[in-house]
C-alpha atoms as a PDB file:
ATOM      1  CA  UNK A   1      38.789 -44.146  -2.128  1.00  0.00           C
ATOM      2  CA  UNK A   2      36.782 -46.938   0.022  1.00  0.00           C
ATOM      3  CA  UNK A   3      32.982 -46.484  -0.122  1.00  0.00           C
ATOM      4  CA  UNK A   4      30.929 -48.548   2.538  1.00  0.00           C
ATOM      5  CA  UNK A   5      27.445 -47.970   1.239  1.00  0.00           C
ATOM      6  CA  UNK A   6      25.908 -50.276  -0.591  1.00  0.00           C
ATOM      7  CA  UNK A   7      25.974 -49.555  -4.419  1.00  0.00           C
ATOM      8  CA  UNK A   8      22.911 -50.474  -7.165  1.00  0.00           C
ATOM      9  CA  UNK A   9      23.495 -50.879 -11.178  1.00  0.00           C
ATOM     10  CA  UNK A  10      20.640 -49.254 -12.740  1.00  0.00           C
ATOM     11  CA  UNK A  11      20.230 -49.143 -16.268  1.00  0.00           C
ATOM     12  CA  UNK A  12      17.976 -45.739 -17.002  1.00  0.00           C
ATOM     13  CA  UNK A  13      17.488 -42.208 -15.498  1.00  0.00           C
ATOM     14  CA  UNK A  14      13.931 -43.061 -14.765  1.00  0.00           C
ATOM     15  CA  UNK A  15      14.919 -46.480 -12.888  1.00  0.00           C
ATOM     16  CA  UNK A  16      16.923 -44.658 -10.889  1.00  0.00           C
ATOM     17  CA  UNK A  17      14.124 -41.981 -10.377  1.00  0.00           C
ATOM     18  CA  UNK A  18      11.750 -45.344  -9.772  1.00  0.00           C
ATOM     19  CA  UNK A  19      14.008 -46.922  -7.645  1.00  0.00           C
ATOM     20  CA  UNK A  20      15.085 -44.606  -5.354  1.00  0.00           C
ATOM     21  CA  UNK A  21      11.282 -43.005  -4.856  1.00  0.00           C
ATOM     22  CA  UNK A  22       9.481 -46.633  -4.350  1.00  0.00           C
ATOM     23  CA  UNK A  23      12.115 -46.923  -1.605  1.00  0.00           C
ATOM     24  CA  UNK A  24      10.884 -43.860   0.197  1.00  0.00           C
ATOM     25  CA  UNK A  25      14.465 -42.218  -0.197  1.00  0.00           C
ATOM     26  CA  UNK A  26      13.712 -38.305  -2.118  1.00  0.00           C
ATOM     27  CA  UNK A  27      11.634 -35.711  -1.370  1.00  0.00           C
ATOM     28  CA  UNK A  28       9.340 -35.705  -3.718  1.00  0.00           C
ATOM     29  CA  UNK A  29      11.387 -34.603  -6.686  1.00  0.00           C
ATOM     30  CA  UNK A  30      13.990 -36.220  -8.671  1.00  0.00           C
ATOM     31  CA  UNK A  31      17.107 -36.819  -7.202  1.00  0.00           C
ATOM     32  CA  UNK A  32      21.170 -37.242  -8.802  1.00  0.00           C
ATOM     33  CA  UNK A  33      22.237 -40.413  -8.988  1.00  0.00           C
ATOM     34  CA  UNK A  34      24.745 -40.747  -6.218  1.00  0.00           C
ATOM     35  CA  UNK A  35      27.391 -42.671  -8.357  1.00  0.00           C
ATOM     36  CA  UNK A  36      30.578 -43.263  -6.144  1.00  0.00           C
ATOM     37  CA  UNK A  37      32.942 -41.048  -8.187  1.00  0.00           C
ATOM     38  CA  UNK A  38      30.329 -38.012  -7.331  1.00  0.00           C
ATOM     39  CA  UNK A  39      30.446 -39.550  -3.805  1.00  0.00           C
ATOM     40  CA  UNK A  40      34.076 -39.863  -3.795  1.00  0.00           C
ATOM     41  CA  UNK A  41      34.581 -36.310  -4.942  1.00  0.00           C
ATOM     42  CA  UNK A  42      32.428 -34.941  -2.264  1.00  0.00           C
ATOM     43  CA  UNK A  43      34.503 -36.484   0.101  1.00  0.00           C
ATOM     44  CA  UNK A  44      37.973 -35.845  -1.307  1.00  0.00           C
ATOM     45  CA  UNK A  45      36.902 -31.858  -1.131  1.00  0.00           C
ATOM     46  CA  UNK A  46      36.508 -31.892   2.150  1.00  0.00           C
ATOM     47  CA  UNK A  47      39.446 -34.421   2.885  1.00  0.00           C
ATOM     48  CA  UNK A  48      37.056 -36.951   4.597  1.00  0.00           C
ATOM     49  CA  UNK A  49      37.159 -40.659   5.104  1.00  0.00           C
ATOM     50  CA  UNK A  50      33.982 -42.483   3.923  1.00  0.00           C
ATOM     51  CA  UNK A  51      33.750 -43.925   7.469  1.00  0.00           C
ATOM     52  CA  UNK A  52      34.594 -40.292   9.535  1.00  0.00           C
ATOM     53  CA  UNK A  53      31.873 -39.687  12.310  1.00  0.00           C
ATOM     54  CA  UNK A  54      30.832 -35.471  11.726  1.00  0.00           C
ATOM     55  CA  UNK A  55      28.657 -36.104  14.800  1.00  0.00           C
ATOM     56  CA  UNK A  56      26.081 -38.687  16.680  1.00  0.00           C
ATOM     57  CA  UNK A  57      22.701 -37.191  17.339  1.00  0.00           C
ATOM     58  CA  UNK A  58      21.822 -36.727  20.727  1.00  0.00           C
ATOM     59  CA  UNK A  59      18.617 -38.615  21.501  1.00  0.00           C
ATOM     60  CA  UNK A  60      18.908 -41.396  19.367  1.00  0.00           C
ATOM     61  CA  UNK A  61      22.593 -41.572  19.588  1.00  0.00           C
ATOM     62  CA  UNK A  62      23.052 -42.295  15.622  1.00  0.00           C
ATOM     63  CA  UNK A  63      26.154 -41.621  14.288  1.00  0.00           C
ATOM     64  CA  UNK A  64      26.520 -39.460  11.399  1.00  0.00           C
ATOM     65  CA  UNK A  65      28.827 -40.682   8.664  1.00  0.00           C
ATOM     66  CA  UNK A  66      30.628 -38.197   5.944  1.00  0.00           C
ATOM     67  CA  UNK A  67      29.852 -40.683   3.617  1.00  0.00           C
ATOM     68  CA  UNK A  68      26.209 -40.946   4.453  1.00  0.00           C
ATOM     69  CA  UNK A  69      26.356 -37.011   4.303  1.00  0.00           C
ATOM     70  CA  UNK A  70      27.902 -36.808   0.558  1.00  0.00           C
ATOM     71  CA  UNK A  71      24.847 -39.093  -1.188  1.00  0.00           C
ATOM     72  CA  UNK A  72      22.580 -36.976   0.064  1.00  0.00           C
ATOM     73  CA  UNK A  73      24.537 -33.794  -1.100  1.00  0.00           C
ATOM     74  CA  UNK A  74      24.616 -35.719  -4.392  1.00  0.00           C
ATOM     75  CA  UNK A  75      21.790 -36.602  -4.455  1.00  0.00           C
ATOM     76  CA  UNK A  76      20.106 -32.750  -3.698  1.00  0.00           C
ATOM     77  CA  UNK A  77      22.854 -31.536  -6.771  1.00  0.00           C
ATOM     78  CA  UNK A  78      25.254 -30.461  -4.862  1.00  0.00           C
ATOM     79  CA  UNK A  79      28.695 -30.304  -6.229  1.00  0.00           C
ATOM     80  CA  UNK A  80      32.047 -30.835  -4.019  1.00  0.00           C
ATOM     81  CA  UNK A  81      32.301 -27.652  -3.344  1.00  0.00           C
ATOM     82  CA  UNK A  82      29.053 -26.738  -1.829  1.00  0.00           C
ATOM     83  CA  UNK A  83      30.115 -29.659   0.595  1.00  0.00           C
ATOM     84  CA  UNK A  84      31.954 -27.974   2.917  1.00  0.00           C
ATOM     85  CA  UNK A  85      28.636 -26.146   3.571  1.00  0.00           C
ATOM     86  CA  UNK A  86      26.797 -29.469   4.148  1.00  0.00           C
ATOM     87  CA  UNK A  87      29.199 -30.921   6.446  1.00  0.00           C
ATOM     88  CA  UNK A  88      29.237 -28.068   8.309  1.00  0.00           C
ATOM     89  CA  UNK A  89      25.329 -27.883   8.882  1.00  0.00           C
ATOM     90  CA  UNK A  90      25.163 -31.125  10.346  1.00  0.00           C
ATOM     91  CA  UNK A  91      28.264 -30.370  13.181  1.00  0.00           C
ATOM     92  CA  UNK A  92      26.235 -27.017  14.197  1.00  0.00           C
ATOM     93  CA  UNK A  93      22.354 -28.736  13.992  1.00  0.00           C
ATOM     94  CA  UNK A  94      24.099 -31.698  16.179  1.00  0.00           C
ATOM     95  CA  UNK A  95      25.198 -29.585  19.150  1.00  0.00           C
ATOM     96  CA  UNK A  96      23.072 -29.961  22.166  1.00  0.00           C
ATOM     97  CA  UNK A  97      21.488 -26.675  21.750  1.00  0.00           C
ATOM     98  CA  UNK A  98      20.010 -27.070  18.349  1.00  0.00           C
ATOM     99  CA  UNK A  99      17.748 -29.602  20.062  1.00  0.00           C
ATOM    100  CA  UNK A 100      17.877 -31.759  16.469  1.00  0.00           C
ATOM    101  CA  UNK A 101      15.355 -34.474  17.262  1.00  0.00           C
ATOM    102  CA  UNK A 102      12.478 -32.065  18.632  1.00  0.00           C
ATOM    103  CA  UNK A 103      13.192 -29.538  15.594  1.00  0.00           C
ATOM    104  CA  UNK A 104      12.770 -32.447  12.934  1.00  0.00           C
ATOM    105  CA  UNK A 105       9.779 -34.476  15.482  1.00  0.00           C
ATOM    106  CA  UNK A 106       7.765 -31.961  16.417  1.00  0.00           C
ATOM    107  CA  UNK A 107       3.433 -31.405  15.307  1.00  0.00           C
ATOM    108  CA  UNK A 108       4.997 -27.956  14.976  1.00  0.00           C
ATOM    109  CA  UNK A 109       6.919 -28.193  11.523  1.00  0.00           C
ATOM    110  CA  UNK A 110       9.747 -25.701  11.599  1.00  0.00           C
ATOM    111  CA  UNK A 111      12.150 -25.978   9.408  1.00  0.00           C
ATOM    112  CA  UNK A 112      16.428 -25.976   9.401  1.00  0.00           C
ATOM    113  CA  UNK A 113      17.276 -21.984   7.850  1.00  0.00           C
ATOM    114  CA  UNK A 114      20.993 -22.333   6.890  1.00  0.00           C
ATOM    115  CA  UNK A 115      22.601 -18.600   6.894  1.00  0.00           C
ATOM    116  CA  UNK A 116      25.825 -18.335   4.881  1.00  0.00           C
ATOM    117  CA  UNK A 117      28.205 -15.856   5.831  1.00  0.00           C
ATOM    118  CA  UNK A 118      32.371 -15.218   4.757  1.00  0.00           C
ATOM    119  CA  UNK A 119      33.963 -16.101   1.718  1.00  0.00           C
ATOM    120  CA  UNK A 120      32.180 -19.150   0.931  1.00  0.00           C
ATOM    121  CA  UNK A 121      29.156 -17.400  -0.422  1.00  0.00           C
ATOM    122  CA  UNK A 122      31.407 -16.297  -2.971  1.00  0.00           C
ATOM    123  CA  UNK A 123      33.497 -19.228  -3.913  1.00  0.00           C
ATOM    124  CA  UNK A 124      29.553 -21.121  -4.477  1.00  0.00           C
ATOM    125  CA  UNK A 125      28.059 -18.019  -6.615  1.00  0.00           C
ATOM    126  CA  UNK A 126      25.480 -17.945  -3.622  1.00  0.00           C
ATOM    127  CA  UNK A 127      23.383 -14.944  -4.238  1.00  0.00           C
ATOM    128  CA  UNK A 128      21.974 -12.361  -1.447  1.00  0.00           C
ATOM    129  CA  UNK A 129      19.199 -10.494  -4.063  1.00  0.00           C
ATOM    130  CA  UNK A 130      16.437 -11.184  -6.393  1.00  0.00           C
ATOM    131  CA  UNK A 131      14.089 -13.920  -4.582  1.00  0.00           C
ATOM    132  CA  UNK A 132      16.240 -14.728  -2.104  1.00  0.00           C
ATOM    133  CA  UNK A 133      14.257 -16.711   0.209  1.00  0.00           C
ATOM    134  CA  UNK A 134      13.075 -18.736  -2.822  1.00  0.00           C
ATOM    135  CA  UNK A 135      15.106 -20.461  -5.966  1.00  0.00           C
ATOM    136  CA  UNK A 136      17.520 -17.134  -6.178  1.00  0.00           C
ATOM    137  CA  UNK A 137      20.812 -19.665  -7.331  1.00  0.00           C
ATOM    138  CA  UNK A 138      21.861 -23.358  -7.254  1.00  0.00           C
ATOM    139  CA  UNK A 139      24.153 -23.145  -4.804  1.00  0.00           C
ATOM    140  CA  UNK A 140      21.446 -22.219  -1.924  1.00  0.00           C
ATOM    141  CA  UNK A 141      18.644 -24.282  -3.071  1.00  0.00           C
ATOM    142  CA  UNK A 142      20.535 -27.399  -3.155  1.00  0.00           C
ATOM    143  CA  UNK A 143      22.591 -27.445  -0.448  1.00  0.00           C
ATOM    144  CA  UNK A 144      19.032 -26.556   1.423  1.00  0.00           C
ATOM    145  CA  UNK A 145      17.729 -29.627  -0.300  1.00  0.00           C
ATOM    146  CA  UNK A 146      20.626 -31.645   0.922  1.00  0.00           C
ATOM    147  CA  UNK A 147      19.661 -30.713   4.571  1.00  0.00           C
ATOM    148  CA  UNK A 148      16.658 -32.167   3.599  1.00  0.00           C
ATOM    149  CA  UNK A 149      17.612 -35.541   2.224  1.00  0.00           C
ATOM    150  CA  UNK A 150      19.975 -36.564   4.763  1.00  0.00           C
ATOM    151  CA  UNK A 151      17.329 -35.684   7.779  1.00  0.00           C
ATOM    152  CA  UNK A 152      14.776 -37.818   5.878  1.00  0.00           C
ATOM    153  CA  UNK A 153      17.635 -40.960   4.929  1.00  0.00           C
ATOM    154  CA  UNK A 154      20.177 -40.868   8.015  1.00  0.00           C
ATOM    155  CA  UNK A 155      17.512 -39.853  10.985  1.00  0.00           C
ATOM    156  CA  UNK A 156      13.923 -40.941   9.251  1.00  0.00           C
ATOM    157  CA  UNK A 157      12.661 -37.769   9.450  1.00  0.00           C
ATOM    158  CA  UNK A 158      10.197 -38.295   6.491  1.00  0.00           C
ATOM    159  CA  UNK A 159       6.489 -37.064   6.874  1.00  0.00           C
ATOM    160  CA  UNK A 160       4.526 -39.887   9.139  1.00  0.00           C
ATOM    161  CA  UNK A 161       8.046 -41.076  10.594  1.00  0.00           C
ATOM    162  CA  UNK A 162       9.790 -39.421  12.529  1.00  0.00           C
ATOM    163  CA  UNK A 163       8.430 -36.122  10.912  1.00  0.00           C
ATOM    164  CA  UNK A 164       5.380 -35.440  12.930  1.00  0.00           C
ATOM    165  CA  UNK A 165       4.467 -31.808  11.136  1.00  0.00           C
ATOM    166  CA  UNK A 166       0.742 -31.078  11.118  1.00  0.00           C
ATOM    167  CA  UNK A 167       1.667 -28.723   8.196  1.00  0.00           C
ATOM    168  CA  UNK A 168       5.030 -27.965   7.563  1.00  0.00           C
ATOM    169  CA  UNK A 169       6.162 -25.151   5.100  1.00  0.00           C
ATOM    170  CA  UNK A 170       7.899 -24.756   1.990  1.00  0.00           C
ATOM    171  CA  UNK A 171      11.117 -24.035   3.693  1.00  0.00           C
ATOM    172  CA  UNK A 172      10.942 -28.102   4.714  1.00  0.00           C
ATOM    173  CA  UNK A 173      12.424 -28.491   0.825  1.00  0.00           C
ATOM    174  CA  UNK A 174      15.045 -26.150   0.980  1.00  0.00           C
ATOM    175  CA  UNK A 175      15.529 -23.463   3.313  1.00  0.00           C
ATOM    176  CA  UNK A 176      19.139 -21.360   2.967  1.00  0.00           C
ATOM    177  CA  UNK A 177      20.156 -17.600   2.464  1.00  0.00           C
ATOM    178  CA  UNK A 178      23.351 -16.069   1.375  1.00  0.00           C
ATOM    179  CA  UNK A 179      23.689 -12.646   3.655  1.00  0.00           C
ATOM    180  CA  UNK A 180      24.783  -9.931   1.244  1.00  0.00           C
ATOM    181  CA  UNK A 181      27.749  -8.399   3.356  1.00  0.00           C
ATOM    182  CA  UNK A 182      28.803  -6.351   0.142  1.00  0.00           C
ATOM    183  CA  UNK A 183      26.151  -4.394  -0.302  1.00  0.00           C
ATOM    184  CA  UNK A 184      25.949  -3.201   3.834  1.00  0.00           C
ATOM    185  CA  UNK A 185      27.755  -1.519   5.692  1.00  0.00           C
ATOM    186  CA  UNK A 186      26.603  -3.596   8.690  1.00  0.00           C
ATOM    187  CA  UNK A 187      28.200  -6.376  10.222  1.00  0.00           C
ATOM    188  CA  UNK A 188      27.170  -9.702   9.125  1.00  0.00           C
ATOM    189  CA  UNK A 189      25.374 -12.222  11.372  1.00  0.00           C
ATOM    190  CA  UNK A 190      28.598 -14.220  12.096  1.00  0.00           C
ATOM    191  CA  UNK A 191      30.365 -10.817  12.961  1.00  0.00           C
ATOM    192  CA  UNK A 192      27.534 -10.471  15.379  1.00  0.00           C
ATOM    193  CA  UNK A 193      28.282 -13.732  16.835  1.00  0.00           C
ATOM    194  CA  UNK A 194      31.738 -13.633  17.145  1.00  0.00           C
ATOM    195  CA  UNK A 195      33.424 -14.486  13.948  1.00  0.00           C
ATOM    196  CA  UNK A 196      35.855 -12.434  11.864  1.00  0.00           C
ATOM    197  CA  UNK A 197      35.125 -11.247   8.171  1.00  0.00           C
ATOM    198  CA  UNK A 198      37.236 -13.463   6.940  1.00  0.00           C
ATOM    199  CA  UNK A 199      36.120 -16.226   8.282  1.00  0.00           C
ATOM    200  CA  UNK A 200      33.050 -18.634   6.628  1.00  0.00           C
ATOM    201  CA  UNK A 201      30.219 -19.697   8.628  1.00  0.00           C
ATOM    202  CA  UNK A 202      26.993 -21.266   8.711  1.00  0.00           C
ATOM    203  CA  UNK A 203      24.369 -20.602  11.036  1.00  0.00           C
ATOM    204  CA  UNK A 204      21.475 -23.228  11.766  1.00  0.00           C
ATOM    205  CA  UNK A 205      18.226 -21.833  13.058  1.00  0.00           C
ATOM    206  CA  UNK A 206      14.820 -24.227  13.796  1.00  0.00           C
ATOM    207  CA  UNK A 207      12.524 -22.053  12.038  1.00  0.00           C
ATOM    208  CA  UNK A 208       9.274 -21.503  10.748  1.00  0.00           C
ATOM    209  CA  UNK A 209       7.925 -19.835   7.297  1.00  0.00           C
ATOM    210  CA  UNK A 210       8.680 -16.700   6.763  1.00  0.00           C
ATOM    211  CA  UNK A 211       6.299 -13.639   7.776  1.00  0.00           C
ATOM    212  CA  UNK A 212       6.539 -11.019   4.809  1.00  0.00           C
ATOM    213  CA  UNK A 213       5.942  -7.329   5.652  1.00  0.00           C
ATOM    214  CA  UNK A 214       6.019  -3.982   3.177  1.00  0.00           C
ATOM    215  CA  UNK A 215       6.042  -0.539   4.807  1.00  0.00           C
ATOM    216  CA  UNK A 216       6.563   1.861   1.999  1.00  0.00           C
ATOM    217  CA  UNK A 217       5.251   5.286   3.188  1.00  0.00           C
ATOM    218  CA  UNK A 218       7.867   6.691   5.484  1.00  0.00           C
ATOM    219  CA  UNK A 219      11.681   6.764   5.560  1.00  0.00           C
ATOM    220  CA  UNK A 220      11.622   6.998   9.630  1.00  0.00           C
ATOM    221  CA  UNK A 221      13.863   4.179  10.844  1.00  0.00           C
ATOM    222  CA  UNK A 222      11.489   3.778  14.254  1.00  0.00           C
ATOM    223  CA  UNK A 223       8.419   3.014  12.027  1.00  0.00           C
ATOM    224  CA  UNK A 224       9.822   0.938   9.748  1.00  0.00           C
ATOM    225  CA  UNK A 225      11.115  -1.301  12.234  1.00  0.00           C
ATOM    226  CA  UNK A 226       7.547  -1.017  14.104  1.00  0.00           C
ATOM    227  CA  UNK A 227       6.160  -2.771  10.939  1.00  0.00           C
ATOM    228  CA  UNK A 228       8.630  -5.850  12.028  1.00  0.00           C
ATOM    229  CA  UNK A 229       8.229  -5.848  15.363  1.00  0.00           C
ATOM    230  CA  UNK A 230       4.372  -5.947  14.725  1.00  0.00           C
ATOM    231  CA  UNK A 231       4.594  -9.102  12.839  1.00  0.00           C
ATOM    232  CA  UNK A 232       6.960 -10.628  15.829  1.00  0.00           C
ATOM    233  CA  UNK A 233       3.682  -9.735  17.560  1.00  0.00           C
ATOM    234  CA  UNK A 234       1.181 -11.252  15.848  1.00  0.00           C
ATOM    235  CA  UNK A 235       3.324 -14.326  16.015  1.00  0.00           C
ATOM    236  CA  UNK A 236       3.324 -14.236  19.338  1.00  0.00           C
ATOM    237  CA  UNK A 237      -0.322 -13.781  19.531  1.00  0.00           C
ATOM    238  CA  UNK A 238      -0.967 -16.558  16.765  1.00  0.00           C
ATOM    239  CA  UNK A 239       1.706 -19.553  17.238  1.00  0.00           C
ATOM    240  CA  UNK A 240       3.963 -19.106  20.103  1.00  0.00           C
ATOM    241  CA  UNK A 241       4.326 -16.675  22.921  1.00  0.00           C
ATOM    242  CA  UNK A 242       7.671 -17.683  24.053  1.00  0.00           C
ATOM    243  CA  UNK A 243      10.508 -16.150  23.276  1.00  0.00           C
ATOM    244  CA  UNK A 244      13.867 -17.137  21.295  1.00  0.00           C
ATOM    245  CA  UNK A 245      15.899 -16.201  18.460  1.00  0.00           C
ATOM    246  CA  UNK A 246      14.244 -14.338  15.314  1.00  0.00           C
ATOM    247  CA  UNK A 247      15.642 -13.854  12.140  1.00  0.00           C
ATOM    248  CA  UNK A 248      14.764 -10.390  10.255  1.00  0.00           C
ATOM    249  CA  UNK A 249      15.733 -10.105   6.772  1.00  0.00           C
ATOM    250  CA  UNK A 250      15.642  -6.449   5.782  1.00  0.00           C
ATOM    251  CA  UNK A 251      16.348  -6.048   2.012  1.00  0.00           C
ATOM    252  CA  UNK A 252      18.330  -2.571   0.223  1.00  0.00           C
ATOM    253  CA  UNK A 253      15.346  -0.396   0.401  1.00  0.00           C
ATOM    254  CA  UNK A 254      14.807  -0.645   4.203  1.00  0.00           C
ATOM    255  CA  UNK A 255      18.347  -1.147   4.682  1.00  0.00           C
ATOM    256  CA  UNK A 256      19.234   1.913   2.663  1.00  0.00           C
ATOM    257  CA  UNK A 257      17.236   4.145   4.751  1.00  0.00           C
ATOM    258  CA  UNK A 258      18.300   2.430   8.253  1.00  0.00           C
ATOM    259  CA  UNK A 259      21.970   2.646   7.477  1.00  0.00           C
ATOM    260  CA  UNK A 260      21.590   6.265   6.246  1.00  0.00           C
ATOM    261  CA  UNK A 261      19.969   7.296   9.394  1.00  0.00           C
ATOM    262  CA  UNK A 262      23.112   5.907  11.675  1.00  0.00           C
ATOM    263  CA  UNK A 263      21.694   2.964  12.358  1.00  0.00           C
ATOM    264  CA  UNK A 264      23.706  -0.364  12.838  1.00  0.00           C
ATOM    265  CA  UNK A 265      22.518  -3.811  13.551  1.00  0.00           C
ATOM    266  CA  UNK A 266      23.082  -3.381  17.291  1.00  0.00           C
ATOM    267  CA  UNK A 267      20.661  -0.287  17.610  1.00  0.00           C
ATOM    268  CA  UNK A 268      17.679  -2.139  15.460  1.00  0.00           C
ATOM    269  CA  UNK A 269      18.287  -5.075  18.247  1.00  0.00           C
ATOM    270  CA  UNK A 270      17.898  -2.689  21.540  1.00  0.00           C
ATOM    271  CA  UNK A 271      14.372  -1.106  19.175  1.00  0.00           C
ATOM    272  CA  UNK A 272      12.826  -4.256  18.458  1.00  0.00           C
ATOM    273  CA  UNK A 273      13.672  -5.782  21.818  1.00  0.00           C
ATOM    274  CA  UNK A 274      11.418  -2.927  23.096  1.00  0.00           C
ATOM    275  CA  UNK A 275       8.866  -3.302  20.852  1.00  0.00           C
ATOM    276  CA  UNK A 276       8.223  -7.077  20.201  1.00  0.00           C
ATOM    277  CA  UNK A 277       6.195  -7.818  22.998  1.00  0.00           C
ATOM    278  CA  UNK A 278       2.870  -8.545  24.511  1.00  0.00           C
ATOM    279  CA  UNK A 279       0.659  -8.800  27.171  1.00  0.00           C
ATOM    280  CA  UNK A 280      -0.919 -12.729  27.968  1.00  0.00           C
ATOM    281  CA  UNK A 281      -4.378 -11.138  27.916  1.00  0.00           C
ATOM    282  CA  UNK A 282      -3.710 -10.085  24.280  1.00  0.00           C
ATOM    283  CA  UNK A 283      -4.412 -13.823  23.408  1.00  0.00           C
ATOM    284  CA  UNK A 284      -8.127 -13.104  24.378  1.00  0.00           C
ATOM    285  CA  UNK A 285      -8.550 -11.234  20.691  1.00  0.00           C
ATOM    286  CA  UNK A 286      -7.177 -14.097  18.805  1.00  0.00           C
ATOM    287  CA  UNK A 287      -9.365 -16.951  20.768  1.00  0.00           C
ATOM    288  CA  UNK A 288      -7.095 -17.945  23.177  1.00  0.00           C
ATOM    289  CA  UNK A 289      -9.164 -16.457  25.963  1.00  0.00           C
ATOM    290  CA  UNK A 290      -9.332 -19.633  27.620  1.00  0.00           C
ATOM    291  CA  UNK A 291      -5.603 -20.150  28.837  1.00  0.00           C
ATOM    292  CA  UNK A 292      -4.954 -16.402  29.677  1.00  0.00           C
ATOM    293  CA  UNK A 293      -6.528 -17.067  33.195  1.00  0.00           C
ATOM    294  CA  UNK A 294      -4.734 -15.078  36.122  1.00  0.00           C
ATOM    295  CA  UNK A 295      -2.096 -13.589  33.919  1.00  0.00           C
ATOM    296  CA  UNK A 296      -3.349 -10.998  31.463  1.00  0.00           C
ATOM    297  CA  UNK A 297      -1.563  -8.410  32.727  1.00  0.00           C
ATOM    298  CA  UNK A 298       1.932 -10.299  32.460  1.00  0.00           C
ATOM    299  CA  UNK A 299       3.914  -9.288  29.716  1.00  0.00           C
ATOM    300  CA  UNK A 300       5.874 -11.852  27.233  1.00  0.00           C
ATOM    301  CA  UNK A 301       9.245 -10.904  25.065  1.00  0.00           C
ATOM    302  CA  UNK A 302       9.916 -11.723  21.921  1.00  0.00           C
ATOM    303  CA  UNK A 303      13.772 -11.652  22.257  1.00  0.00           C
ATOM    304  CA  UNK A 304      14.790 -13.268  25.993  1.00  0.00           C
ATOM    305  CA  UNK A 305      17.924 -10.109  24.990  1.00  0.00           C
ATOM    306  CA  UNK A 306      18.614  -7.962  22.110  1.00  0.00           C
ATOM    307  CA  UNK A 307      21.204 -10.652  20.842  1.00  0.00           C
ATOM    308  CA  UNK A 308      18.917 -13.321  20.516  1.00  0.00           C
ATOM    309  CA  UNK A 309      17.661 -11.363  16.963  1.00  0.00           C
ATOM    310  CA  UNK A 310      19.755 -12.553  13.773  1.00  0.00           C
ATOM    311  CA  UNK A 311      19.646  -9.721  11.231  1.00  0.00           C
ATOM    312  CA  UNK A 312      20.003 -10.673   7.736  1.00  0.00           C
ATOM    313  CA  UNK A 313      20.888  -7.963   5.189  1.00  0.00           C
ATOM    314  CA  UNK A 314      19.551  -9.475   1.753  1.00  0.00           C
ATOM    315  CA  UNK A 315      17.042  -9.283  -0.609  1.00  0.00           C
ATOM    316  CA  UNK A 316      16.283  -7.296  -4.279  1.00  0.00           C
ATOM    317  CA  UNK A 317      16.992  -3.924  -4.965  1.00  0.00           C
ATOM    318  CA  UNK A 318      13.847  -2.389  -4.404  1.00  0.00           C
ATOM    319  CA  UNK A 319      10.661  -2.602  -2.732  1.00  0.00           C
ATOM    320  CA  UNK A 320       9.733  -1.895   0.829  1.00  0.00           C
ATOM    321  CA  UNK A 321       9.471  -5.726   1.348  1.00  0.00           C
ATOM    322  CA  UNK A 322      11.046  -7.660   4.772  1.00  0.00           C
ATOM    323  CA  UNK A 323      10.488 -10.576   6.538  1.00  0.00           C
ATOM    324  CA  UNK A 324      10.766 -11.993  10.027  1.00  0.00           C
ATOM    325  CA  UNK A 325      11.391 -15.733  10.656  1.00  0.00           C
ATOM    326  CA  UNK A 326      10.005 -17.304  13.903  1.00  0.00           C
ATOM    327  CA  UNK A 327      11.731 -19.353  16.268  1.00  0.00           C
ATOM    328  CA  UNK A 328      10.168 -22.881  16.314  1.00  0.00           C
ATOM    329  CA  UNK A 329       9.985 -23.123  20.370  1.00  0.00           C
ATOM    330  CA  UNK A 330      10.945 -20.230  22.163  1.00  0.00           C
ATOM    331  CA  UNK A 331      14.906 -21.074  23.367  1.00  0.00           C
ATOM    332  CA  UNK A 332      14.472 -24.422  23.607  1.00  0.00           C
ATOM    333  CA  UNK A 333      16.197 -25.172  20.521  1.00  0.00           C
ATOM    334  CA  UNK A 334      19.150 -22.213  19.193  1.00  0.00           C
ATOM    335  CA  UNK A 335      20.926 -20.638  16.511  1.00  0.00           C
ATOM    336  CA  UNK A 336      24.462 -22.039  16.854  1.00  0.00           C
ATOM    337  CA  UNK A 337      26.941 -20.369  14.257  1.00  0.00           C
ATOM    338  CA  UNK A 338      29.837 -22.784  13.272  1.00  0.00           C
ATOM    339  CA  UNK A 339      32.738 -21.774  11.327  1.00  0.00           C
ATOM    340  CA  UNK A 340      33.472 -23.907   8.121  1.00  0.00           C
ATOM    341  CA  UNK A 341      36.375 -26.210   8.020  1.00  0.00           C
ATOM    342  CA  UNK A 342      37.091 -25.694  11.938  1.00  0.00           C
ATOM    343  CA  UNK A 343      36.224 -28.300  14.467  1.00  0.00           C
ATOM    344  CA  UNK A 344      33.063 -27.396  16.257  1.00  0.00           C
ATOM    345  CA  UNK A 345      33.985 -29.051  19.686  1.00  0.00           C
ATOM    346  CA  UNK A 346      36.950 -27.164  19.232  1.00  0.00           C
ATOM    347  CA  UNK A 347      35.013 -23.481  19.204  1.00  0.00           C
ATOM    348  CA  UNK A 348      33.829 -21.525  21.916  1.00  0.00           C
ATOM    349  CA  UNK A 349      30.406 -21.534  22.620  1.00  0.00           C
ATOM    350  CA  UNK A 350      28.248 -19.010  20.036  1.00  0.00           C
ATOM    351  CA  UNK A 351      26.604 -16.226  21.326  1.00  0.00           C
ATOM    352  CA  UNK A 352      22.691 -16.608  22.098  1.00  0.00           C
END
């Protein structure tokens, strides 16, 4: 395969690391040298030519080529069978509704959360149980990192350059999870968004840091979900009042209680939609009284509709824990789901 990028011959592993780091091409961690053979292997796996354009960044109109994505995927530690996820995630991120430039340039410091569904999870040995929001497995760790390195090296989303994050969060290193489809009776995230169970998909979401909750003192679904909703209300008070997509990560202990009571994801979304709302006047209780003005009685919902809630069945087998993952900027950036190996522009638009 003919590659287009410049190739460097370096003498040692330490030379490679210093060479890449000194040029701002890393995320601060050591990288895997992107040899021509390794890059070509990724491209061969997805049957893409090096010059193939995956998409155009809408604001600065920069082309994203398959070769550049493959280089960064190798640097992140990806194997060739991880690369289809990286390519599809980028296709989804480049959709207008995702608002990639805003999400990566904002002072708000969000990261791109990647949710995996379908057979691809098993093909790449992605885990969905212990430490699912941490370094749960190789596949999700390197795929999430590949997204970040691609942003750094293709779109200059480096701290102080395009990336103007005041704080950021650890998800900006790697933020990728796989749903535990075998451990739940619920539909997957992809199924709730219109995709069949036998289709592998990627959902991308411009997301804040996870906010962990705990409730081990009840078996009542409404009470369990109130704990999640309360954390969403706290986010509306302390961060952003604007509604958008939210993610709920529900591990097995809570999930079993909800499922045994007959609750579906639709039931959960309807309940959270009702519970997760505040009045603007509540901002006075967190030091934001100056912007309440005459709108104190105006009610705001965390979700524009129940369908905007993304419920992920994932997490370890024990412990009454869960997490909410809030949106970066309400509905201005929307979650996008795409089928792996399918032209995203040939699909009908995904649901909100």
